[in-house]
Amino acid sequence: AGDDVVDAVGGDAGALDRSSAQGAAHRRPLATACVVVGALGLGGFPLTPGFPGRWALLAHSASAGLPVGAAVLGGTVLVCAAALKWGRYFLGGSVSAERPSISPGERAFLSSALALSSMLGLFPQLSFPWVVAALSGLTNLLP
């Protein structure tokens, strides 16, 4: 899955190496920002939409014991570290003057995704009731 993301952002679908993704932030800044913000959100990084869910999961796992809490925290750290590594990789490499064109529909979709992610990251109280409702079912899974 990671290679598919690199190919999509790098613009060289089907490439077997990741060198085509280097410098993608300069060629496709909007797509790269969406990939990095989305990956950080999956990891539950603060100020991303995934943070309220990860925080609530960590708070609920405290009653389940140290191994569960350590697994949640370890997963957060690993996913966020991988997302930041991707971001650094996308920023590295040579900067070319060639910038592929982006359709207005694609620009609107990516811009609205970033705006929605920013809004939910800055105002987590908008999604917190949904997170609490979803986590209430987790108590049935833990012994």
Protein backbone atom coordinates (compact mmCIF):
# COMPACT_ATOMS: atom_id res chain seq x y z
CA ALA A 1 0.00 0.00 0.00
CA GLY A 2 2.87 2.35 0.77
CA ASP A 3 4.32 1.86 -2.70
CA ASP A 4 0.94 2.71 -4.25
CA VAL A 5 0.87 5.99 -2.32
CA VAL A 6 4.41 6.79 -3.41
CA ASP A 7 3.51 6.04 -7.03
CA ALA A 8 0.38 8.21 -6.90
CA VAL A 9 2.16 11.18 -5.38
CA GLY A 10 5.30 10.73 -7.42
CA GLY A 11 3.30 10.50 -10.61
CA ASP A 12 5.19 7.50 -11.96
CA ALA A 13 2.66 4.70 -11.59
CA GLY A 14 4.22 1.29 -11.88
CA ALA A 15 7.73 2.31 -10.89
CA LEU A 16 9.57 -0.27 -8.85
CA ASP A 17 11.68 2.21 -6.94
CA ARG A 18 10.78 5.16 -4.77
CA SER A 19 13.16 7.59 -6.42
CA SER A 20 10.31 8.93 -8.54
CA ALA A 21 8.61 10.21 -5.39
CA GLN A 22 11.57 12.28 -4.28
CA GLY A 23 10.74 15.92 -4.73
CA ALA A 24 7.03 15.15 -5.08
CA ALA A 25 6.20 17.96 -2.66
CA HIS A 26 7.52 20.39 -5.24
CA ARG A 27 5.76 18.75 -8.19
CA ARG A 28 2.44 17.90 -6.51
CA PRO A 29 2.24 19.91 -3.29
CA LEU A 30 -1.49 19.46 -2.70
CA ALA A 31 -1.45 15.68 -3.18
CA THR A 32 1.65 15.34 -1.01
CA ALA A 33 0.08 17.39 1.77
CA CYS A 34 -3.02 15.19 1.67
CA VAL A 35 -0.94 12.01 1.89
CA VAL A 36 1.14 13.23 4.81
CA VAL A 37 -1.81 14.74 6.73
CA GLY A 38 -3.85 11.59 6.12
CA ALA A 39 -1.04 9.35 7.34
CA LEU A 40 -0.54 11.50 10.44
CA GLY A 41 -4.30 11.32 11.04
CA LEU A 42 -4.18 7.52 10.88
CA GLY A 43 -1.48 7.63 13.51
CA GLY A 44 -3.49 9.94 15.75
CA PHE A 45 -1.05 12.84 15.60
CA PRO A 46 -2.28 15.94 17.50
CA LEU A 47 -4.20 18.51 15.42
CA THR A 48 -5.30 15.84 12.93
CA PRO A 49 -8.74 14.23 12.70
CA GLY A 50 -7.38 10.93 14.06
CA PHE A 51 -6.22 12.42 17.35
CA PRO A 52 -9.55 12.39 19.26
CA GLY A 53 -10.09 8.74 18.46
CA ARG A 54 -6.57 7.75 19.39
CA TRP A 55 -6.72 9.81 22.58
CA ALA A 56 -10.04 8.26 23.62
CA LEU A 57 -8.72 4.79 22.79
CA LEU A 58 -5.65 5.43 24.91
CA ALA A 59 -7.80 6.74 27.79
CA HIS A 60 -10.09 3.69 27.64
CA SER A 61 -7.17 1.30 27.36
CA ALA A 62 -5.78 2.53 30.68
CA SER A 63 -8.33 0.39 32.47
CA ALA A 64 -7.32 -2.64 30.35
CA GLY A 65 -3.76 -2.64 31.58
CA LEU A 66 -0.26 -1.71 30.51
CA PRO A 67 0.10 -4.03 27.48
CA VAL A 68 -2.96 -2.58 25.72
CA GLY A 69 -1.94 1.00 26.42
CA ALA A 70 1.62 0.31 25.29
CA ALA A 71 0.33 -1.24 22.05
CA VAL A 72 -1.87 1.79 21.30
CA LEU A 73 0.90 4.25 22.11
CA GLY A 74 3.49 2.22 20.20
CA GLY A 75 1.24 2.08 17.15
CA THR A 76 0.77 5.83 17.30
CA VAL A 77 4.50 6.48 17.48
CA LEU A 78 5.32 4.05 14.65
CA VAL A 79 2.66 5.32 12.23
CA CYS A 80 3.49 8.98 12.91
CA ALA A 81 7.22 8.30 12.48
CA ALA A 82 6.53 6.60 9.13
CA ALA A 83 4.35 9.52 8.01
CA LEU A 84 7.04 12.04 8.91
CA LYS A 85 9.62 9.90 7.10
CA TRP A 86 7.40 9.93 4.00
CA GLY A 87 7.08 13.70 4.28
CA ARG A 88 10.84 14.11 4.49
CA TYR A 89 11.27 11.74 1.54
CA PHE A 90 8.73 13.68 -0.53
CA LEU A 91 10.54 16.94 0.23
CA GLY A 92 13.98 15.55 -0.63
CA GLY A 93 15.50 15.06 -4.03
CA SER A 94 15.86 17.31 -6.98
CA VAL A 95 13.46 20.12 -7.68
CA SER A 96 12.35 20.22 -11.28
CA ALA A 97 10.60 23.07 -13.01
CA GLU A 98 8.16 20.55 -14.50
CA ARG A 99 4.88 20.59 -12.61
CA PRO A 100 2.05 18.43 -13.94
CA SER A 101 -1.28 20.14 -14.42
CA ILE A 102 -4.06 19.39 -11.99
CA SER A 103 -7.72 19.42 -12.96
CA PRO A 104 -10.08 21.84 -11.20
CA GLY A 105 -12.06 18.87 -9.83
CA GLU A 106 -8.94 17.26 -8.38
CA ARG A 107 -7.82 20.58 -6.91
CA ALA A 108 -11.25 21.12 -5.31
CA PHE A 109 -11.32 17.58 -3.90
CA LEU A 110 -7.82 17.76 -2.41
CA SER A 111 -8.36 21.28 -1.06
CA SER A 112 -11.64 20.34 0.58
CA ALA A 113 -10.05 17.22 2.09
CA LEU A 114 -7.27 19.34 3.62
CA ALA A 115 -9.79 21.92 4.85
CA LEU A 116 -11.97 19.24 6.45
CA SER A 117 -8.94 17.58 8.05
CA SER A 118 -7.80 20.92 9.41
CA MET A 119 -11.25 21.75 10.77
CA LEU A 120 -11.63 18.37 12.52
CA GLY A 121 -8.06 18.57 13.80
CA LEU A 122 -8.45 22.07 15.21
CA PHE A 123 -11.95 21.48 16.58
CA PRO A 124 -12.01 17.86 17.78
CA GLN A 125 -15.18 18.43 19.77
CA LEU A 126 -17.06 18.18 16.45
CA SER A 127 -16.16 14.49 16.10
CA PHE A 128 -15.75 13.54 19.76
CA PRO A 129 -19.39 12.41 20.31
CA TRP A 130 -18.99 9.94 17.43
CA VAL A 131 -15.71 8.71 18.87
CA VAL A 132 -17.23 8.12 22.30
CA ALA A 133 -20.16 6.24 20.77
CA ALA A 134 -17.82 4.05 18.74
CA LEU A 135 -15.57 3.34 21.71
CA SER A 136 -18.47 2.36 23.91
CA GLY A 137 -18.62 -0.87 21.96
CA LEU A 138 -14.97 -1.65 22.74
CA THR A 139 -15.79 -2.47 26.34
CA ASN A 140 -17.39 -5.66 25.07
CA LEU A 141 -14.10 -6.69 23.42
CA LEU A 142 -11.85 -6.25 26.45
CA PRO A 143 -11.86 -8.83 29.23
